Amino acid sequence: MKRLRNASPLMIGAAVAVGVLAIVLVLHLRSDPVDSIEVQPAPLVQSVLVSGRMANQSRVFLGSTITGRVREVRVREGARVKSGELLVALEDFEQRAAAAQAEAAARSAESRLDSQRQLLGPVAAQQLAQARATASTAQRERERSESLFKQGFIGQARLDEARRAADVADAQLKAAEAQAEANLKGSELEGSVARVAEARAAADLARARLQQTRIVAPADALVLERLVEPGQIVQAGSRLVELSIEGAVELVAQVDEKFLGQLAPGQPAAVVADAFPGTPFTAKVKSVAPVVDAQRGSVEVKLEMDQVPPFLRNDMTLSIEIETARRDRVMAVPGEALRGSGPASQVLVIEDGKAVARTVKPGLRTLTAVEIVEGLKAGERVVTDARVQPGARVRAGAPRAASATSNVSTDVVKSFSRE
């Protein structure tokens, strides 16, 4: 006590200051460490990850249009075929015989028509000329006989005979004209022409039926499945071969309809085949279906590729990540750091050892991150622990900064759809 009474005021003040500092230090050390991030400008990417498949725009089943027995199958699965190449042949004995018979009938009809035109026509023309000459002579004889009868040089019997001869000649002329008309351009010729046309049509039909025994590739294609074997009986309409017509290929994915507002043609996508995970490639959205599949609750998205990888196969399962939005340099915080919504959105910022509420303006949202358009500066620390209340004394835990590769800046929306 004697020492305290003898101490100077300066010494007493220093002792008090040391005590206060010790109390502050103790209080600071007693503040709880909380999870937080240091906000820095970083890219923010919104994407939708879906399961899709490769699909050729034209896949066809080639079938039989007649009933018959398979004589030969020339292709196997995976073979590439050219347009017009024979794939499957049916037995064609009956069809060949019918085609030969029809061809013979057509040639016979054509021969008769040629004979009519080349032989009957000239004969009819010659007969017509002869009938005309006879009729002309008979007419002159009748006129001469009538003149002689008037002069009294011949009798009535002679005149009647001349007149009958002229009438007969006229009748023969009309018959010759009718025959010539029929042979050259009348009903007989038309009948012959019709018979030729009918025979030709029958021959064409027989050839068509013969051709139906040969199933050929309609275009350059890839054989997907061989559905028959030699000796098998097939009915009209039976499927024989499935082909993938060579041409543009596309990727098809079913996306949950809740992401419909984020999708648009032209968006880039990263694609990985489940069978070749080490060989990713790129694509872009070609179209978004105008209707929603009510049963699946999904919308169909088609994507196109600038270059098709050689390992792709029809119906191959693919993981497709479609980039739906991107911000190159933004302030972003984890979704759990944002409190409230709309104009009342807030985050807790660590200031002087306290969690201070600050109103912010959110922008682009993903499932794990939110863009902060206004209210934050680079370097500030934001509390990510939802249990911390405003005004609480806190201190930052282990440093964790937002980066382009963290869950804060890159969000993958998983929406797998299985058919």
Protein backbone atom coordinates (compact mmCIF):
# COMPACT_ATOMS: atom_id res chain seq x y z
CA MET A 1 0.00 0.00 0.00
CA LYS A 2 2.85 2.25 0.76
CA ARG A 3 4.27 1.65 -2.72
CA LEU A 4 0.95 2.55 -4.40
CA ARG A 5 0.74 5.71 -2.38
CA ASN A 6 4.22 6.63 -3.47
CA ALA A 7 3.53 5.75 -7.27
CA SER A 8 3.30 8.64 -9.72
CA PRO A 9 0.09 9.34 -11.72
CA LEU A 10 1.94 8.43 -14.93
CA MET A 11 2.63 4.96 -13.69
CA ILE A 12 -0.97 4.50 -12.63
CA GLY A 13 -2.25 5.58 -16.08
CA ALA A 14 0.08 3.17 -17.83
CA ALA A 15 -1.10 0.33 -15.68
CA VAL A 16 -4.73 1.10 -16.50
CA ALA A 17 -3.99 1.25 -20.22
CA VAL A 18 -2.27 -2.09 -20.09
CA GLY A 19 -5.26 -3.55 -18.29
CA VAL A 20 -7.74 -2.19 -20.86
CA LEU A 21 -5.61 -3.52 -23.72
CA ALA A 22 -5.51 -6.89 -22.07
CA ILE A 23 -9.29 -6.88 -21.70
CA VAL A 24 -9.77 -5.94 -25.42
CA LEU A 25 -7.33 -8.63 -26.47
CA VAL A 26 -9.19 -11.21 -24.40
CA LEU A 27 -12.52 -10.14 -25.88
CA HIS A 28 -11.10 -10.35 -29.39
CA LEU A 29 -9.66 -13.74 -28.80
CA ARG A 30 -13.01 -14.87 -27.46
CA SER A 31 -14.82 -13.90 -30.79
CA ASP A 32 -15.84 -16.93 -32.77
CA PRO A 33 -14.13 -17.75 -36.13
CA VAL A 34 -16.68 -17.94 -38.96
CA ASP A 35 -16.66 -19.14 -42.55
CA SER A 36 -16.19 -16.26 -44.97
CA ILE A 37 -14.85 -15.42 -48.39
CA GLU A 38 -12.81 -12.56 -49.70
CA VAL A 39 -14.72 -11.02 -52.60
CA GLN A 40 -12.64 -10.57 -55.77
CA PRO A 41 -13.70 -9.98 -59.39
CA ALA A 42 -14.09 -13.35 -61.09
CA PRO A 43 -16.06 -14.91 -63.95
CA LEU A 44 -19.49 -16.33 -63.22
CA VAL A 45 -20.82 -19.06 -65.49
CA GLN A 46 -24.31 -20.51 -65.46
CA SER A 47 -24.73 -23.87 -67.16
CA VAL A 48 -27.14 -26.75 -67.47
CA LEU A 49 -25.74 -30.27 -67.41
CA VAL A 50 -27.93 -32.88 -69.08
CA SER A 51 -27.67 -36.38 -70.42
CA GLY A 52 -28.19 -36.60 -74.19
CA ARG A 53 -27.57 -38.86 -77.12
CA MET A 54 -26.36 -38.69 -80.68
CA ALA A 55 -29.04 -39.04 -83.33
CA ASN A 56 -28.87 -39.13 -87.09
CA GLN A 57 -31.49 -36.94 -88.74
CA SER A 58 -32.53 -39.77 -91.05
CA ARG A 59 -32.85 -43.34 -89.81
CA VAL A 60 -34.92 -45.72 -91.92
CA PHE A 61 -36.12 -49.30 -91.93
CA LEU A 62 -36.04 -51.00 -95.32
CA GLY A 63 -38.82 -53.55 -95.71
CA SER A 64 -40.31 -55.99 -98.17
CA THR A 65 -43.33 -55.00 -100.27
CA ILE A 66 -44.07 -58.60 -101.30
CA THR A 67 -44.19 -62.00 -99.68
CA GLY A 68 -41.23 -64.22 -100.43
CA ARG A 69 -38.22 -66.19 -99.26
CA VAL A 70 -34.91 -64.46 -98.55
CA ARG A 71 -32.32 -65.71 -100.99
CA GLU A 72 -29.32 -63.60 -99.95
CA VAL A 73 -28.30 -60.96 -97.38
CA ARG A 74 -25.19 -59.09 -98.45
CA VAL A 75 -24.50 -56.76 -95.51
CA ARG A 76 -23.58 -56.90 -91.84
CA GLU A 77 -24.07 -54.42 -88.99
CA GLY A 78 -21.62 -51.53 -89.19
CA ALA A 79 -21.08 -51.81 -92.96
CA ARG A 80 -21.17 -48.64 -95.04
CA VAL A 81 -23.15 -48.98 -98.26
CA LYS A 82 -23.51 -46.85 -101.37
CA SER A 83 -26.69 -45.62 -102.95
CA GLY A 84 -28.26 -48.36 -105.09
CA GLU A 85 -26.16 -51.15 -103.55
CA LEU A 86 -27.99 -54.48 -103.18
CA LEU A 87 -28.63 -55.31 -99.53
CA VAL A 88 -31.16 -58.16 -99.53
CA ALA A 89 -32.37 -60.38 -102.41
CA LEU A 90 -35.55 -62.46 -102.38
CA GLU A 91 -36.19 -65.52 -104.54
CA ASP A 92 -37.41 -64.23 -107.93
CA PHE A 93 -38.21 -67.26 -110.12
CA GLU A 94 -41.90 -66.44 -110.51
CA GLN A 95 -41.26 -62.74 -110.99
CA ARG A 96 -38.67 -63.39 -113.69
CA ALA A 97 -41.02 -65.70 -115.55
CA ALA A 98 -43.87 -63.22 -115.34
CA ALA A 99 -41.62 -60.42 -116.54
CA ALA A 100 -40.42 -62.49 -119.51
CA GLN A 101 -43.99 -63.38 -120.44
CA ALA A 102 -45.10 -59.77 -120.23
CA GLU A 103 -42.14 -58.61 -122.31
CA ALA A 104 -43.03 -61.17 -125.01
CA ALA A 105 -46.66 -60.04 -125.04
CA ALA A 106 -45.58 -56.43 -125.39
CA ARG A 107 -43.27 -57.26 -128.29
CA SER A 108 -46.09 -59.20 -130.00
CA ALA A 109 -48.50 -56.28 -129.70
CA GLU A 110 -45.87 -53.88 -131.02
CA SER A 111 -45.20 -56.22 -133.95
CA ARG A 112 -48.89 -56.32 -134.87
CA LEU A 113 -49.07 -52.55 -134.73
CA ASP A 114 -46.01 -52.22 -136.96
CA SER A 115 -47.53 -54.71 -139.42
CA GLN A 116 -50.75 -52.73 -139.50
CA ARG A 117 -48.91 -49.54 -140.16
CA GLN A 118 -46.40 -50.97 -142.67
CA LEU A 119 -48.56 -53.55 -144.54
CA LEU A 120 -52.25 -52.94 -144.09
CA GLY A 121 -51.86 -49.23 -144.51
CA PRO A 122 -50.22 -49.36 -147.96
CA VAL A 123 -52.64 -52.12 -149.09
CA ALA A 124 -55.60 -50.07 -147.98
CA ALA A 125 -54.19 -47.03 -149.74
CA GLN A 126 -53.70 -49.01 -152.94
CA GLN A 127 -57.22 -50.44 -152.76
CA LEU A 128 -58.58 -46.93 -152.18
CA ALA A 129 -56.77 -45.62 -155.23
CA GLN A 130 -58.09 -48.49 -157.34
CA ALA A 131 -61.65 -47.94 -156.09
CA ARG A 132 -61.43 -44.27 -156.92
CA ALA A 133 -60.25 -45.03 -160.45
CA THR A 134 -63.05 -47.58 -160.95
CA ALA A 135 -65.65 -45.17 -159.64
CA SER A 136 -64.37 -42.42 -161.88
CA THR A 137 -64.51 -44.68 -164.94
CA ALA A 138 -68.01 -45.88 -164.08
CA GLN A 139 -69.19 -42.32 -163.60
CA ARG A 140 -67.88 -41.26 -166.98
CA GLU A 141 -69.51 -44.34 -168.58
CA ARG A 142 -72.85 -43.45 -167.02
CA GLU A 143 -72.66 -39.86 -168.27
CA ARG A 144 -71.75 -41.09 -171.76
CA SER A 145 -74.61 -43.61 -171.75
CA GLU A 146 -77.11 -40.97 -170.67
CA SER A 147 -75.96 -38.72 -173.55
CA LEU A 148 -76.25 -41.55 -176.09
CA PHE A 149 -79.69 -42.51 -174.74
CA LYS A 150 -80.95 -38.98 -175.29
CA GLN A 151 -79.70 -39.07 -178.88
CA GLY A 152 -81.39 -42.42 -179.44
CA PHE A 153 -78.25 -44.40 -180.10
CA ILE A 154 -78.76 -46.84 -177.15
CA GLY A 155 -81.77 -48.30 -175.42
CA GLN A 156 -83.00 -48.16 -171.83
CA ALA A 157 -81.40 -51.45 -170.90
CA ARG A 158 -77.94 -50.21 -171.82
CA LEU A 159 -78.48 -47.03 -169.79
CA ASP A 160 -79.69 -48.95 -166.75
CA GLU A 161 -76.63 -51.18 -166.87
CA ALA A 162 -74.28 -48.15 -166.95
CA ARG A 163 -76.08 -46.61 -164.03
CA ARG A 164 -75.86 -49.82 -161.95
CA ALA A 165 -72.14 -50.08 -162.69
CA ALA A 166 -71.61 -46.50 -161.50
CA ASP A 167 -73.58 -47.12 -158.30
CA VAL A 168 -71.56 -50.25 -157.55
CA ALA A 169 -68.32 -48.37 -158.13
CA ASP A 170 -69.42 -45.60 -155.76
CA ALA A 171 -70.26 -48.16 -153.06
CA GLN A 172 -66.89 -49.84 -153.49
CA LEU A 173 -65.17 -46.45 -153.21
CA LYS A 174 -66.92 -45.66 -149.94
CA ALA A 175 -65.98 -49.08 -148.57
CA ALA A 176 -62.35 -48.58 -149.58
CA GLU A 177 -62.29 -45.16 -147.94
CA ALA A 178 -63.73 -46.56 -144.72
CA GLN A 179 -61.22 -49.42 -144.71
CA ALA A 180 -58.32 -47.07 -145.33
CA GLU A 181 -59.54 -44.76 -142.57
CA ALA A 182 -59.78 -47.69 -140.16
CA ASN A 183 -56.34 -49.06 -141.07
CA LEU A 184 -54.51 -45.73 -141.04
CA LYS A 185 -56.18 -43.74 -138.22
CA GLY A 186 -59.48 -45.32 -137.34
CA SER A 187 -60.82 -47.65 -134.69
CA GLU A 188 -58.71 -50.63 -135.73
CA LEU A 189 -55.52 -48.64 -135.45
CA GLU A 190 -56.65 -47.17 -132.13
CA GLY A 191 -57.39 -50.66 -130.86
CA SER A 192 -53.95 -51.84 -131.87
CA VAL A 193 -52.33 -48.84 -130.20
CA ALA A 194 -54.35 -49.48 -127.02
CA ARG A 195 -53.32 -53.13 -126.98
CA VAL A 196 -49.66 -52.10 -127.26
CA ALA A 197 -50.03 -49.64 -124.37
CA GLU A 198 -51.73 -52.30 -122.26
CA ALA A 199 -48.97 -54.82 -123.00
CA ARG A 200 -46.27 -52.29 -122.17
CA ALA A 201 -47.98 -51.43 -118.86
CA ALA A 202 -48.19 -55.13 -118.00
CA ALA A 203 -44.49 -55.50 -118.78
CA ASP A 204 -43.64 -52.48 -116.60
CA LEU A 205 -45.67 -53.97 -113.75
CA ALA A 206 -43.91 -57.31 -114.09
CA ARG A 207 -40.51 -55.60 -114.04
CA ALA A 208 -41.54 -53.59 -110.99
CA ARG A 209 -42.53 -56.77 -109.17
CA LEU A 210 -39.23 -58.32 -110.14
CA GLN A 211 -37.43 -55.24 -108.82
CA GLN A 212 -39.28 -55.63 -105.52
CA THR A 213 -37.26 -58.79 -104.91
CA ARG A 214 -34.12 -56.60 -104.68
CA ILE A 215 -33.85 -54.34 -101.63
CA VAL A 216 -31.24 -51.68 -102.33
CA ALA A 217 -29.82 -48.76 -100.36
CA PRO A 218 -31.74 -45.53 -101.07
CA ALA A 219 -28.61 -43.45 -100.37
CA ASP A 220 -25.14 -43.71 -98.88
CA ALA A 221 -25.72 -45.10 -95.41
CA LEU A 222 -24.49 -47.06 -92.41
CA VAL A 223 -26.09 -50.42 -91.65
CA LEU A 224 -27.38 -50.33 -88.06
CA GLU A 225 -29.13 -53.68 -87.85
CA ARG A 226 -29.63 -56.77 -90.02
CA LEU A 227 -33.06 -58.21 -89.27
CA VAL A 228 -33.34 -61.27 -91.58
CA GLU A 229 -31.28 -64.25 -92.67
CA PRO A 230 -31.26 -66.35 -95.90
CA GLY A 231 -34.12 -68.84 -96.11
CA GLN A 232 -36.44 -66.80 -93.94
CA ILE A 233 -40.00 -66.20 -95.21
CA VAL A 234 -40.98 -62.53 -95.07
CA GLN A 235 -44.36 -60.92 -95.49
CA ALA A 236 -45.20 -57.64 -97.15
CA GLY A 237 -44.25 -54.92 -94.68
CA SER A 238 -41.59 -56.97 -92.87
CA ARG A 239 -38.53 -55.01 -91.74
CA LEU A 240 -35.32 -56.31 -93.25
CA VAL A 241 -32.53 -53.78 -92.58
CA GLU A 242 -32.19 -50.61 -90.50
CA LEU A 243 -30.03 -47.86 -92.02
CA SER A 244 -28.64 -44.56 -90.87
CA ILE A 245 -28.56 -42.31 -93.92
CA GLU A 246 -25.32 -40.38 -94.17
CA GLY A 247 -25.78 -36.66 -93.60
CA ALA A 248 -25.95 -34.13 -90.82
CA VAL A 249 -25.98 -35.57 -87.30
CA GLU A 250 -27.18 -33.85 -84.17
CA LEU A 251 -27.27 -34.25 -80.42
CA VAL A 252 -30.62 -34.53 -78.65
CA ALA A 253 -31.21 -33.88 -74.96
CA GLN A 254 -34.27 -33.68 -72.72
CA VAL A 255 -33.94 -30.69 -70.37
CA ASP A 256 -36.15 -30.10 -67.34
CA GLU A 257 -38.75 -27.48 -68.27
CA LYS A 258 -37.77 -25.28 -65.29
CA PHE A 259 -34.63 -24.31 -67.22
CA LEU A 260 -36.56 -23.37 -70.38
CA GLY A 261 -36.12 -19.65 -69.74
CA GLN A 262 -32.34 -20.05 -69.73
CA LEU A 263 -32.06 -21.86 -73.08
CA ALA A 264 -31.63 -20.22 -76.47
CA PRO A 265 -30.25 -21.21 -79.91
CA GLY A 266 -26.56 -20.51 -80.40
CA GLN A 267 -25.48 -21.21 -76.81
CA PRO A 268 -22.15 -23.09 -76.60
CA ALA A 269 -21.91 -26.51 -75.05
CA ALA A 270 -19.15 -28.86 -73.91
CA VAL A 271 -19.80 -32.53 -74.64
CA VAL A 272 -18.21 -35.70 -73.28
CA ALA A 273 -19.09 -39.20 -74.42
CA ASP A 274 -19.43 -41.60 -71.50
CA ALA A 275 -17.44 -44.17 -73.49
CA PHE A 276 -14.62 -41.69 -74.31
CA PRO A 277 -14.33 -39.38 -71.26
CA GLY A 278 -10.87 -38.21 -72.28
CA THR A 279 -11.99 -36.78 -75.61
CA PRO A 280 -14.36 -33.85 -75.05
CA PHE A 281 -15.70 -31.82 -77.96
CA THR A 282 -17.87 -28.76 -78.51
CA ALA A 283 -21.35 -28.13 -79.88
CA LYS A 284 -23.94 -25.38 -79.88
CA VAL A 285 -27.68 -25.27 -79.38
CA LYS A 286 -29.46 -25.59 -82.71
CA SER A 287 -33.08 -25.44 -81.57
CA VAL A 288 -35.31 -25.60 -78.53
CA ALA A 289 -38.59 -27.44 -79.04
CA PRO A 290 -41.65 -25.15 -79.07
CA VAL A 291 -43.62 -27.58 -76.90
CA VAL A 292 -43.05 -29.25 -73.54
CA ASP A 293 -43.33 -33.00 -73.13
CA ALA A 294 -46.15 -33.24 -70.58
CA GLN A 295 -45.27 -36.77 -69.49
CA ARG A 296 -41.60 -36.05 -68.87
CA GLY A 297 -41.92 -32.43 -67.87
CA SER A 298 -39.04 -31.66 -70.22
CA VAL A 299 -38.25 -29.80 -73.41
CA GLU A 300 -36.22 -31.29 -76.26
CA VAL A 301 -33.02 -29.46 -77.18
CA LYS A 302 -31.08 -30.21 -80.36
CA LEU A 303 -27.42 -29.32 -80.77
CA GLU A 304 -25.19 -29.25 -83.83
CA MET A 305 -21.44 -29.81 -84.19
CA ASP A 306 -19.00 -28.09 -86.52
CA GLN A 307 -16.90 -31.26 -86.59
CA VAL A 308 -18.24 -34.71 -85.73
CA PRO A 309 -15.76 -36.87 -83.76
CA PRO A 310 -15.08 -40.18 -85.52
CA PHE A 311 -15.91 -42.25 -82.43
CA LEU A 312 -19.54 -41.11 -82.18
CA ARG A 313 -22.22 -43.73 -82.71
CA ASN A 314 -25.99 -43.52 -83.00
CA ASP A 315 -27.75 -43.41 -79.61
CA MET A 316 -24.41 -43.02 -77.78
CA THR A 317 -24.94 -41.55 -74.30
CA LEU A 318 -23.38 -38.11 -73.85
CA SER A 319 -22.93 -35.65 -70.98
CA ILE A 320 -23.73 -32.19 -72.32
CA GLU A 321 -23.02 -28.97 -70.43
CA ILE A 322 -24.84 -26.03 -72.02
CA GLU A 323 -23.53 -22.59 -71.08
CA THR A 324 -26.66 -20.49 -70.55
CA ALA A 325 -25.08 -17.28 -69.16
CA ARG A 326 -21.65 -15.81 -68.45
CA ARG A 327 -20.25 -12.79 -66.65
CA ASP A 328 -16.55 -12.21 -67.22
CA ARG A 329 -15.71 -10.07 -64.12
CA VAL A 330 -18.24 -9.80 -61.33
CA MET A 331 -18.43 -9.77 -57.56
CA ALA A 332 -20.01 -13.08 -56.62
CA VAL A 333 -20.87 -14.64 -53.28
CA PRO A 334 -22.14 -18.10 -52.38
CA GLY A 335 -25.90 -18.41 -52.37
CA GLU A 336 -25.96 -19.08 -48.63
CA ALA A 337 -24.30 -15.70 -47.99
CA LEU A 338 -27.28 -13.78 -49.40
CA ARG A 339 -30.05 -12.96 -46.94
CA GLY A 340 -33.49 -11.86 -48.04
CA SER A 341 -34.57 -11.20 -51.61
CA GLY A 342 -35.27 -8.31 -53.95
CA PRO A 343 -34.55 -4.81 -52.57
CA ALA A 344 -34.17 -6.32 -49.08
CA SER A 345 -31.22 -8.51 -50.07
CA GLN A 346 -28.33 -8.27 -47.60
CA VAL A 347 -24.96 -9.84 -46.83
CA LEU A 348 -22.91 -9.74 -43.63
CA VAL A 349 -19.54 -8.02 -44.07
CA ILE A 350 -16.81 -8.34 -41.42
CA GLU A 351 -15.92 -4.81 -40.24
CA ASP A 352 -13.79 -4.14 -37.12
CA GLY A 353 -14.48 -7.63 -35.79
CA LYS A 354 -18.23 -7.43 -36.25
CA ALA A 355 -20.71 -8.89 -38.73
CA VAL A 356 -22.27 -5.81 -40.30
CA ALA A 357 -25.42 -6.12 -42.44
CA ARG A 358 -25.15 -4.42 -45.83
CA THR A 359 -27.87 -4.05 -48.45
CA VAL A 360 -26.79 -5.28 -51.90
CA LYS A 361 -28.29 -5.58 -55.38
CA PRO A 362 -28.14 -9.17 -56.72
CA GLY A 363 -27.82 -10.03 -60.41
CA LEU A 364 -27.25 -13.35 -62.15
CA ARG A 365 -28.17 -16.32 -59.98
CA THR A 366 -27.00 -19.89 -60.14
CA LEU A 367 -27.70 -22.74 -57.76
CA THR A 368 -24.56 -22.02 -55.74
CA ALA A 369 -23.63 -18.41 -56.44
CA VAL A 370 -25.13 -14.94 -56.83
CA GLU A 371 -23.75 -11.97 -58.73
CA ILE A 372 -23.63 -8.80 -56.59
CA VAL A 373 -24.16 -5.82 -58.88
CA GLU A 374 -23.98 -3.14 -56.17
CA GLY A 375 -22.96 -3.06 -52.53
CA LEU A 376 -19.59 -4.85 -52.36
CA LYS A 377 -15.99 -3.94 -53.08
CA ALA A 378 -13.02 -6.11 -53.92
CA GLY A 379 -11.16 -7.35 -50.84
CA GLU A 380 -14.10 -7.26 -48.44
CA ARG A 381 -14.89 -10.38 -46.46
CA VAL A 382 -18.43 -11.73 -46.53
CA VAL A 383 -19.77 -14.16 -43.92
CA THR A 384 -21.04 -17.40 -45.45
CA ASP A 385 -22.28 -18.97 -42.18
CA ALA A 386 -26.06 -18.52 -42.07
CA ARG A 387 -26.05 -18.94 -38.28
CA VAL A 388 -24.19 -15.65 -37.69
CA GLN A 389 -26.45 -12.75 -36.71
CA PRO A 390 -25.85 -9.07 -37.56
CA GLY A 391 -23.76 -7.30 -34.89
CA ALA A 392 -22.11 -10.45 -33.65
CA ARG A 393 -18.41 -10.24 -32.87
CA VAL A 394 -16.65 -12.48 -35.38
CA ARG A 395 -13.31 -13.11 -36.88
CA ALA A 396 -12.53 -14.70 -40.24
CA GLY A 397 -11.71 -18.33 -40.31
CA ALA A 398 -9.32 -19.93 -42.77
CA PRO A 399 -9.00 -17.69 -45.91
CA ARG A 400 -11.23 -18.73 -48.82
CA ALA A 401 -11.48 -16.49 -51.87
CA ALA A 402 -13.94 -16.67 -54.74
CA SER A 403 -12.29 -17.81 -57.98
CA ALA A 404 -13.22 -18.80 -61.47
CA THR A 405 -12.85 -22.47 -60.64
CA SER A 406 -14.73 -22.51 -57.33
CA ASN A 407 -18.36 -23.39 -56.79
CA VAL A 408 -18.94 -19.70 -56.20
CA SER A 409 -18.12 -18.59 -59.72
CA THR A 410 -18.99 -21.67 -61.77
CA ASP A 411 -22.37 -23.29 -61.31
CA VAL A 412 -23.40 -26.58 -62.86
CA VAL A 413 -27.12 -27.23 -62.81
CA LYS A 414 -27.58 -30.98 -62.82
CA SER A 415 -30.77 -32.04 -64.55
CA PHE A 416 -30.29 -35.59 -65.76
CA SER A 417 -33.21 -37.01 -67.72
CA ARG A 418 -33.34 -40.69 -68.57
CA GLU A 419 -35.61 -41.85 -71.41
